[in-house]
């Protein structure tokens, strides 16, 4: 499972953002096309497709927050 770009490892409670691995893959594909001769202005701008939700359970506990089971089930990354 890929980590999100801003993983809540330093006390951040919740992070939701694009998948870092997918961003690097997309960048690599762009570099490949440019090196093959396609002009950068001919390439389309692409939006991220995959996003990750990360929750820091230690921070939630420290501030007395109970995270519901439905939110935990949707999380891609749980940090304890």
PDB file of N, CA and C in Angstrom:
ATOM      1  N   UNK A   1       0.847  -1.169   0.000  1.00  0.00           N
ATOM      2  CA  UNK A   1       0.000   0.000   0.000  1.00  0.00           C
ATOM      3  C   UNK A   1       0.898   1.239   0.000  1.00  0.00           C
ATOM      4  N   UNK A   2       0.669   2.129  -0.918  1.00  0.00           N
ATOM      5  CA  UNK A   2       1.487   3.329  -1.046  1.00  0.00           C
ATOM      6  C   UNK A   2       1.110   4.355   0.010  1.00  0.00           C
ATOM      7  N   UNK A   3       2.101   5.076   0.469  1.00  0.00           N
ATOM      8  CA  UNK A   3       1.840   6.131   1.431  1.00  0.00           C
ATOM      9  C   UNK A   3       1.360   7.378   0.714  1.00  0.00           C
ATOM     10  N   UNK A   4       0.508   8.151   1.378  1.00  0.00           N
ATOM     11  CA  UNK A   4       0.094   9.407   0.765  1.00  0.00           C
ATOM     12  C   UNK A   4       1.253  10.383   0.768  1.00  0.00           C
ATOM     13  N   UNK A   5       1.113  11.445  -0.003  1.00  0.00           N
ATOM     14  CA  UNK A   5       2.174  12.430  -0.110  1.00  0.00           C
ATOM     15  C   UNK A   5       2.487  13.067   1.238  1.00  0.00           C
ATOM     16  N   UNK A   6       1.466  13.336   2.029  1.00  0.00           N
ATOM     17  CA  UNK A   6       1.653  13.936   3.348  1.00  0.00           C
ATOM     18  C   UNK A   6       1.160  12.963   4.398  1.00  0.00           C
ATOM     19  N   UNK A   7       1.966  11.994   4.741  1.00  0.00           N
ATOM     20  CA  UNK A   7       1.586  10.961   5.698  1.00  0.00           C
ATOM     21  C   UNK A   7       1.565  11.534   7.111  1.00  0.00           C
ATOM     22  N   UNK A   8       0.532  11.246   7.893  1.00  0.00           N
ATOM     23  CA  UNK A   8       0.438  11.814   9.235  1.00  0.00           C
ATOM     24  C   UNK A   8       1.330  11.089  10.237  1.00  0.00           C
ATOM     25  N   UNK A   9       2.605  11.203  10.063  1.00  0.00           N
ATOM     26  CA  UNK A   9       3.542  10.543  10.955  1.00  0.00           C
ATOM     27  C   UNK A   9       4.070  11.451  12.043  1.00  0.00           C
ATOM     28  N   UNK A  10       3.834  12.725  11.934  1.00  0.00           N
ATOM     29  CA  UNK A  10       4.392  13.680  12.895  1.00  0.00           C
ATOM     30  C   UNK A  10       3.305  14.406  13.673  1.00  0.00           C
ATOM     31  N   UNK A  11       2.274  13.691  14.025  1.00  0.00           N
ATOM     32  CA  UNK A  11       1.227  14.276  14.842  1.00  0.00           C
ATOM     33  C   UNK A  11       0.053  14.836  14.069  1.00  0.00           C
ATOM     34  N   UNK A  12       0.112  14.806  12.749  1.00  0.00           N
ATOM     35  CA  UNK A  12      -1.009  15.278  11.955  1.00  0.00           C
ATOM     36  C   UNK A  12      -2.142  14.267  12.105  1.00  0.00           C
ATOM     37  N   UNK A  13      -3.342  14.737  12.365  1.00  0.00           N
ATOM     38  CA  UNK A  13      -4.469  13.841  12.615  1.00  0.00           C
ATOM     39  C   UNK A  13      -4.936  13.135  11.344  1.00  0.00           C
ATOM     40  N   UNK A  14      -5.219  13.895  10.297  1.00  0.00           N
ATOM     41  CA  UNK A  14      -5.762  13.326   9.066  1.00  0.00           C
ATOM     42  C   UNK A  14      -5.063  13.945   7.864  1.00  0.00           C
ATOM     43  N   UNK A  15      -4.813  13.117   6.879  1.00  0.00           N
ATOM     44  CA  UNK A  15      -4.235  13.580   5.626  1.00  0.00           C
ATOM     45  C   UNK A  15      -5.021  12.961   4.481  1.00  0.00           C
ATOM     46  N   UNK A  16      -5.380  13.787   3.507  1.00  0.00           N
ATOM     47  CA  UNK A  16      -6.078  13.295   2.319  1.00  0.00           C
ATOM     48  C   UNK A  16      -5.436  13.984   1.124  1.00  0.00           C
ATOM     49  N   UNK A  17      -4.853  13.197   0.252  1.00  0.00           N
ATOM     50  CA  UNK A  17      -4.197  13.800  -0.896  1.00  0.00           C
ATOM     51  C   UNK A  17      -3.838  12.772  -1.940  1.00  0.00           C
ATOM     52  N   UNK A  18      -3.248  13.236  -3.025  1.00  0.00           N
ATOM     53  CA  UNK A  18      -2.908  12.335  -4.122  1.00  0.00           C
ATOM     54  C   UNK A  18      -1.853  11.316  -3.710  1.00  0.00           C
ATOM     55  N   UNK A  19      -1.927  10.157  -4.320  1.00  0.00           N
ATOM     56  CA  UNK A  19      -0.979   9.077  -4.075  1.00  0.00           C
ATOM     57  C   UNK A  19       0.379   9.464  -4.663  1.00  0.00           C
ATOM     58  N   UNK A  20       1.410   9.491  -3.836  1.00  0.00           N
ATOM     59  CA  UNK A  20       2.745   9.921  -4.268  1.00  0.00           C
ATOM     60  C   UNK A  20       3.304   9.014  -5.352  1.00  0.00           C
ATOM     61  N   UNK A  21       3.101   7.725  -5.243  1.00  0.00           N
ATOM     62  CA  UNK A  21       3.633   6.786  -6.236  1.00  0.00           C
ATOM     63  C   UNK A  21       3.021   7.066  -7.603  1.00  0.00           C
ATOM     64  N   UNK A  22       1.723   7.314  -7.637  1.00  0.00           N
ATOM     65  CA  UNK A  22       1.063   7.628  -8.909  1.00  0.00           C
ATOM     66  C   UNK A  22       1.574   8.936  -9.496  1.00  0.00           C
ATOM     67  N   UNK A  23       1.849   9.932  -8.645  1.00  0.00           N
ATOM     68  CA  UNK A  23       2.389  11.194  -9.137  1.00  0.00           C
ATOM     69  C   UNK A  23       3.750  10.986  -9.794  1.00  0.00           C
ATOM     70  N   UNK A  24       4.592  10.154  -9.177  1.00  0.00           N
ATOM     71  CA  UNK A  24       5.911   9.898  -9.747  1.00  0.00           C
ATOM     72  C   UNK A  24       5.814   9.085 -11.036  1.00  0.00           C
ATOM     73  N   UNK A  25       4.882   8.145 -11.105  1.00  0.00           N
ATOM     74  CA  UNK A  25       4.685   7.386 -12.342  1.00  0.00           C
ATOM     75  C   UNK A  25       4.257   8.307 -13.480  1.00  0.00           C
ATOM     76  N   UNK A  26       3.336   9.202 -13.183  1.00  0.00           N
ATOM     77  CA  UNK A  26       2.874  10.143 -14.196  1.00  0.00           C
ATOM     78  C   UNK A  26       4.017  11.048 -14.655  1.00  0.00           C
ATOM     79  N   UNK A  27       4.803  11.517 -13.706  1.00  0.00           N
ATOM     80  CA  UNK A  27       5.952  12.358 -14.059  1.00  0.00           C
ATOM     81  C   UNK A  27       6.938  11.587 -14.933  1.00  0.00           C
ATOM     82  N   UNK A  28       7.177  10.328 -14.599  1.00  0.00           N
ATOM     83  CA  UNK A  28       8.074   9.497 -15.408  1.00  0.00           C
ATOM     84  C   UNK A  28       7.563   9.303 -16.822  1.00  0.00           C
ATOM     85  N   UNK A  29       6.250   9.138 -16.960  1.00  0.00           N
ATOM     86  CA  UNK A  29       5.657   8.980 -18.291  1.00  0.00           C
ATOM     87  C   UNK A  29       5.817  10.271 -19.098  1.00  0.00           C
ATOM     88  N   UNK A  30       5.667  11.418 -18.439  1.00  0.00           N
ATOM     89  CA  UNK A  30       5.863  12.689 -19.123  1.00  0.00           C
ATOM     90  C   UNK A  30       7.312  12.835 -19.580  1.00  0.00           C
ATOM     91  N   UNK A  31       8.259  12.516 -18.715  1.00  0.00           N
ATOM     92  CA  UNK A  31       9.680  12.607 -19.078  1.00  0.00           C
ATOM     93  C   UNK A  31       9.980  11.702 -20.256  1.00  0.00           C
ATOM     94  N   UNK A  32       9.439  10.483 -20.242  1.00  0.00           N
ATOM     95  CA  UNK A  32       9.639   9.550 -21.339  1.00  0.00           C
ATOM     96  C   UNK A  32       9.144  10.135 -22.661  1.00  0.00           C
ATOM     97  N   UNK A  33       7.964  10.721 -22.651  1.00  0.00           N
ATOM     98  CA  UNK A  33       7.405  11.297 -23.875  1.00  0.00           C
ATOM     99  C   UNK A  33       8.240  12.476 -24.367  1.00  0.00           C
ATOM    100  N   UNK A  34       8.696  13.299 -23.440  1.00  0.00           N
ATOM    101  CA  UNK A  34       9.518  14.456 -23.815  1.00  0.00           C
ATOM    102  C   UNK A  34      10.837  14.000 -24.407  1.00  0.00           C
ATOM    103  N   UNK A  35      11.454  12.976 -23.799  1.00  0.00           N
ATOM    104  CA  UNK A  35      12.723  12.463 -24.328  1.00  0.00           C
ATOM    105  C   UNK A  35      12.559  11.800 -25.692  1.00  0.00           C
ATOM    106  N   UNK A  36      11.347  11.359 -25.998  1.00  0.00           N
ATOM    107  CA  UNK A  36      11.078  10.765 -27.303  1.00  0.00           C
ATOM    108  C   UNK A  36      10.721  11.811 -28.354  1.00  0.00           C
ATOM    109  N   UNK A  37      10.728  13.088 -27.961  1.00  0.00           N
ATOM    110  CA  UNK A  37      10.553  14.151 -28.946  1.00  0.00           C
ATOM    111  C   UNK A  37       9.246  14.909 -28.906  1.00  0.00           C
ATOM    112  N   UNK A  38       8.312  14.519 -28.060  1.00  0.00           N
ATOM    113  CA  UNK A  38       7.055  15.261 -27.976  1.00  0.00           C
ATOM    114  C   UNK A  38       7.308  16.573 -27.239  1.00  0.00           C
ATOM    115  N   UNK A  39       6.793  17.636 -27.769  1.00  0.00           N
ATOM    116  CA  UNK A  39       6.983  18.945 -27.131  1.00  0.00           C
ATOM    117  C   UNK A  39       6.102  19.035 -25.885  1.00  0.00           C
ATOM    118  N   UNK A  40       6.633  19.579 -24.790  1.00  0.00           N
ATOM    119  CA  UNK A  40       5.870  19.634 -23.537  1.00  0.00           C
ATOM    120  C   UNK A  40       4.509  20.317 -23.667  1.00  0.00           C
ATOM    121  N   UNK A  41       4.415  21.351 -24.505  1.00  0.00           N
ATOM    122  CA  UNK A  41       3.133  22.043 -24.621  1.00  0.00           C
ATOM    123  C   UNK A  41       2.097  21.222 -25.380  1.00  0.00           C
ATOM    124  N   UNK A  42       2.521  20.129 -26.016  1.00  0.00           N
ATOM    125  CA  UNK A  42       1.572  19.235 -26.680  1.00  0.00           C
ATOM    126  C   UNK A  42       1.005  18.174 -25.737  1.00  0.00           C
ATOM    127  N   UNK A  43       1.570  18.070 -24.543  1.00  0.00           N
ATOM    128  CA  UNK A  43       1.110  17.065 -23.580  1.00  0.00           C
ATOM    129  C   UNK A  43      -0.067  17.609 -22.768  1.00  0.00           C
ATOM    130  N   UNK A  44      -1.067  16.782 -22.523  1.00  0.00           N
ATOM    131  CA  UNK A  44      -2.214  17.253 -21.736  1.00  0.00           C
ATOM    132  C   UNK A  44      -1.854  17.355 -20.249  1.00  0.00           C
ATOM    133  N   UNK A  45      -2.551  18.226 -19.570  1.00  0.00           N
ATOM    134  CA  UNK A  45      -2.407  18.326 -18.116  1.00  0.00           C
ATOM    135  C   UNK A  45      -3.298  17.247 -17.515  1.00  0.00           C
ATOM    136  N   UNK A  46      -2.744  16.448 -16.616  1.00  0.00           N
ATOM    137  CA  UNK A  46      -3.515  15.361 -16.014  1.00  0.00           C
ATOM    138  C   UNK A  46      -3.736  15.619 -14.536  1.00  0.00           C
ATOM    139  N   UNK A  47      -4.947  15.336 -14.101  1.00  0.00           N
ATOM    140  CA  UNK A  47      -5.289  15.425 -12.686  1.00  0.00           C
ATOM    141  C   UNK A  47      -4.959  14.099 -12.020  1.00  0.00           C
ATOM    142  N   UNK A  48      -4.586  14.119 -10.737  1.00  0.00           N
ATOM    143  CA  UNK A  48      -4.398  12.845 -10.029  1.00  0.00           C
ATOM    144  C   UNK A  48      -5.697  12.054 -10.011  1.00  0.00           C
ATOM    145  N   UNK A  49      -5.570  10.748 -10.123  1.00  0.00           N
ATOM    146  CA  UNK A  49      -6.746   9.878 -10.128  1.00  0.00           C
ATOM    147  C   UNK A  49      -6.920   9.195  -8.779  1.00  0.00           C
ATOM    148  N   UNK A  50      -5.815   8.774  -8.178  1.00  0.00           N
ATOM    149  CA  UNK A  50      -5.884   8.033  -6.924  1.00  0.00           C
ATOM    150  C   UNK A  50      -5.515   8.944  -5.753  1.00  0.00           C
ATOM    151  N   UNK A  51      -6.353   8.914  -4.738  1.00  0.00           N
ATOM    152  CA  UNK A  51      -6.122   9.687  -3.519  1.00  0.00           C
ATOM    153  C   UNK A  51      -6.073   8.736  -2.335  1.00  0.00           C
ATOM    154  N   UNK A  52      -5.350   9.131  -1.296  1.00  0.00           N
ATOM    155  CA  UNK A  52      -5.234   8.315  -0.093  1.00  0.00           C
ATOM    156  C   UNK A  52      -5.724   9.104   1.122  1.00  0.00           C
ATOM    157  N   UNK A  53      -6.397   8.393   2.010  1.00  0.00           N
ATOM    158  CA  UNK A  53      -6.815   8.945   3.291  1.00  0.00           C
ATOM    159  C   UNK A  53      -5.968   8.275   4.361  1.00  0.00           C
ATOM    160  N   UNK A  54      -5.273   9.088   5.142  1.00  0.00           N
ATOM    161  CA  UNK A  54      -4.435   8.562   6.215  1.00  0.00           C
ATOM    162  C   UNK A  54      -4.907   9.156   7.541  1.00  0.00           C
ATOM    163  N   UNK A  55      -4.956   8.322   8.574  1.00  0.00           N
ATOM    164  CA  UNK A  55      -5.414   8.745   9.894  1.00  0.00           C
ATOM    165  C   UNK A  55      -4.378   8.332  10.926  1.00  0.00           C
ATOM    166  N   UNK A  56      -4.024   9.262  11.798  1.00  0.00           N
ATOM    167  CA  UNK A  56      -3.086   8.996  12.880  1.00  0.00           C
ATOM    168  C   UNK A  56      -3.896   8.700  14.142  1.00  0.00           C
ATOM    169  N   UNK A  57      -3.950   7.423  14.493  1.00  0.00           N
ATOM    170  CA  UNK A  57      -4.753   7.003  15.640  1.00  0.00           C
ATOM    171  C   UNK A  57      -4.167   7.485  16.970  1.00  0.00           C
ATOM    172  N   UNK A  58      -2.856   7.612  17.046  1.00  0.00           N
ATOM    173  CA  UNK A  58      -2.218   8.088  18.283  1.00  0.00           C
ATOM    174  C   UNK A  58      -2.622   9.533  18.565  1.00  0.00           C
ATOM    175  N   UNK A  59      -2.652  10.363  17.537  1.00  0.00           N
ATOM    176  CA  UNK A  59      -3.065  11.760  17.709  1.00  0.00           C
ATOM    177  C   UNK A  59      -4.541  11.833  18.090  1.00  0.00           C
ATOM    178  N   UNK A  60      -5.367  11.006  17.449  1.00  0.00           N
ATOM    179  CA  UNK A  60      -6.795  10.985  17.782  1.00  0.00           C
ATOM    180  C   UNK A  60      -6.994  10.627  19.252  1.00  0.00           C
ATOM    181  N   UNK A  61      -6.255   9.654  19.724  1.00  0.00           N
ATOM    182  CA  UNK A  61      -6.370   9.240  21.131  1.00  0.00           C
ATOM    183  C   UNK A  61      -5.872  10.353  22.050  1.00  0.00           C
ATOM    184  N   UNK A  62      -4.789  11.022  21.666  1.00  0.00           N
ATOM    185  CA  UNK A  62      -4.210  12.070  22.503  1.00  0.00           C
ATOM    186  C   UNK A  62      -5.168  13.249  22.700  1.00  0.00           C
ATOM    187  N   UNK A  63      -5.985  13.536  21.698  1.00  0.00           N
ATOM    188  CA  UNK A  63      -6.921  14.656  21.832  1.00  0.00           C
ATOM    189  C   UNK A  63      -8.322  14.194  22.224  1.00  0.00           C
ATOM    190  N   UNK A  64      -8.456  12.901  22.495  1.00  0.00           N
ATOM    191  CA  UNK A  64      -9.729  12.366  22.963  1.00  0.00           C
ATOM    192  C   UNK A  64     -10.775  12.207  21.873  1.00  0.00           C
ATOM    193  N   UNK A  65     -10.336  11.999  20.653  1.00  0.00           N
ATOM    194  CA  UNK A  65     -11.254  11.857  19.529  1.00  0.00           C
ATOM    195  C   UNK A  65     -11.466  10.387  19.208  1.00  0.00           C
ATOM    196  N   UNK A  66     -12.709   9.993  19.074  1.00  0.00           N
ATOM    197  CA  UNK A  66     -13.040   8.635  18.662  1.00  0.00           C
ATOM    198  C   UNK A  66     -13.368   8.658  17.181  1.00  0.00           C
ATOM    199  N   UNK A  67     -12.607   7.903  16.418  1.00  0.00           N
ATOM    200  CA  UNK A  67     -12.819   7.839  14.973  1.00  0.00           C
ATOM    201  C   UNK A  67     -13.785   6.693  14.700  1.00  0.00           C
ATOM    202  N   UNK A  68     -14.837   6.982  13.967  1.00  0.00           N
ATOM    203  CA  UNK A  68     -15.865   5.972  13.719  1.00  0.00           C
ATOM    204  C   UNK A  68     -15.330   4.827  12.859  1.00  0.00           C
ATOM    205  N   UNK A  69     -15.968   3.684  12.994  1.00  0.00           N
ATOM    206  CA  UNK A  69     -15.552   2.493  12.248  1.00  0.00           C
ATOM    207  C   UNK A  69     -15.690   2.699  10.750  1.00  0.00           C
ATOM    208  N   UNK A  70     -16.687   3.459  10.321  1.00  0.00           N
ATOM    209  CA  UNK A  70     -16.871   3.686   8.879  1.00  0.00           C
ATOM    210  C   UNK A  70     -15.731   4.530   8.302  1.00  0.00           C
ATOM    211  N   UNK A  71     -15.230   5.491   9.080  1.00  0.00           N
ATOM    212  CA  UNK A  71     -14.099   6.298   8.622  1.00  0.00           C
ATOM    213  C   UNK A  71     -12.830   5.455   8.612  1.00  0.00           C
ATOM    214  N   UNK A  72     -12.647   4.649   9.646  1.00  0.00           N
ATOM    215  CA  UNK A  72     -11.467   3.769   9.684  1.00  0.00           C
ATOM    216  C   UNK A  72     -11.468   2.776   8.523  1.00  0.00           C
ATOM    217  N   UNK A  73     -12.647   2.306   8.145  1.00  0.00           N
ATOM    218  CA  UNK A  73     -12.747   1.361   7.036  1.00  0.00           C
ATOM    219  C   UNK A  73     -12.368   2.005   5.709  1.00  0.00           C
ATOM    220  N   UNK A  74     -12.580   3.285   5.573  1.00  0.00           N
ATOM    221  CA  UNK A  74     -12.253   3.991   4.332  1.00  0.00           C
ATOM    222  C   UNK A  74     -10.798   4.426   4.262  1.00  0.00           C
ATOM    223  N   UNK A  75     -10.105   4.435   5.378  1.00  0.00           N
ATOM    224  CA  UNK A  75      -8.713   4.890   5.410  1.00  0.00           C
ATOM    225  C   UNK A  75      -7.801   3.937   4.665  1.00  0.00           C
ATOM    226  N   UNK A  76      -6.855   4.504   3.905  1.00  0.00           N
ATOM    227  CA  UNK A  76      -5.862   3.719   3.204  1.00  0.00           C
ATOM    228  C   UNK A  76      -4.662   3.436   4.098  1.00  0.00           C
ATOM    229  N   UNK A  77      -4.354   4.387   4.988  1.00  0.00           N
ATOM    230  CA  UNK A  77      -3.202   4.245   5.875  1.00  0.00           C
ATOM    231  C   UNK A  77      -3.649   4.595   7.290  1.00  0.00           C
ATOM    232  N   UNK A  78      -3.358   3.711   8.248  1.00  0.00           N
ATOM    233  CA  UNK A  78      -3.599   3.978   9.662  1.00  0.00           C
ATOM    234  C   UNK A  78      -2.258   3.983  10.379  1.00  0.00           C
ATOM    235  N   UNK A  79      -1.939   5.107  11.021  1.00  0.00           N
ATOM    236  CA  UNK A  79      -0.688   5.213  11.747  1.00  0.00           C
ATOM    237  C   UNK A  79      -0.990   5.114  13.230  1.00  0.00           C
ATOM    238  N   UNK A  80      -0.263   4.225  13.929  1.00  0.00           N
ATOM    239  CA  UNK A  80      -0.488   4.070  15.374  1.00  0.00           C
ATOM    240  C   UNK A  80       0.700   4.544  16.155  1.00  0.00           C
TER     241      UNK A  80
END
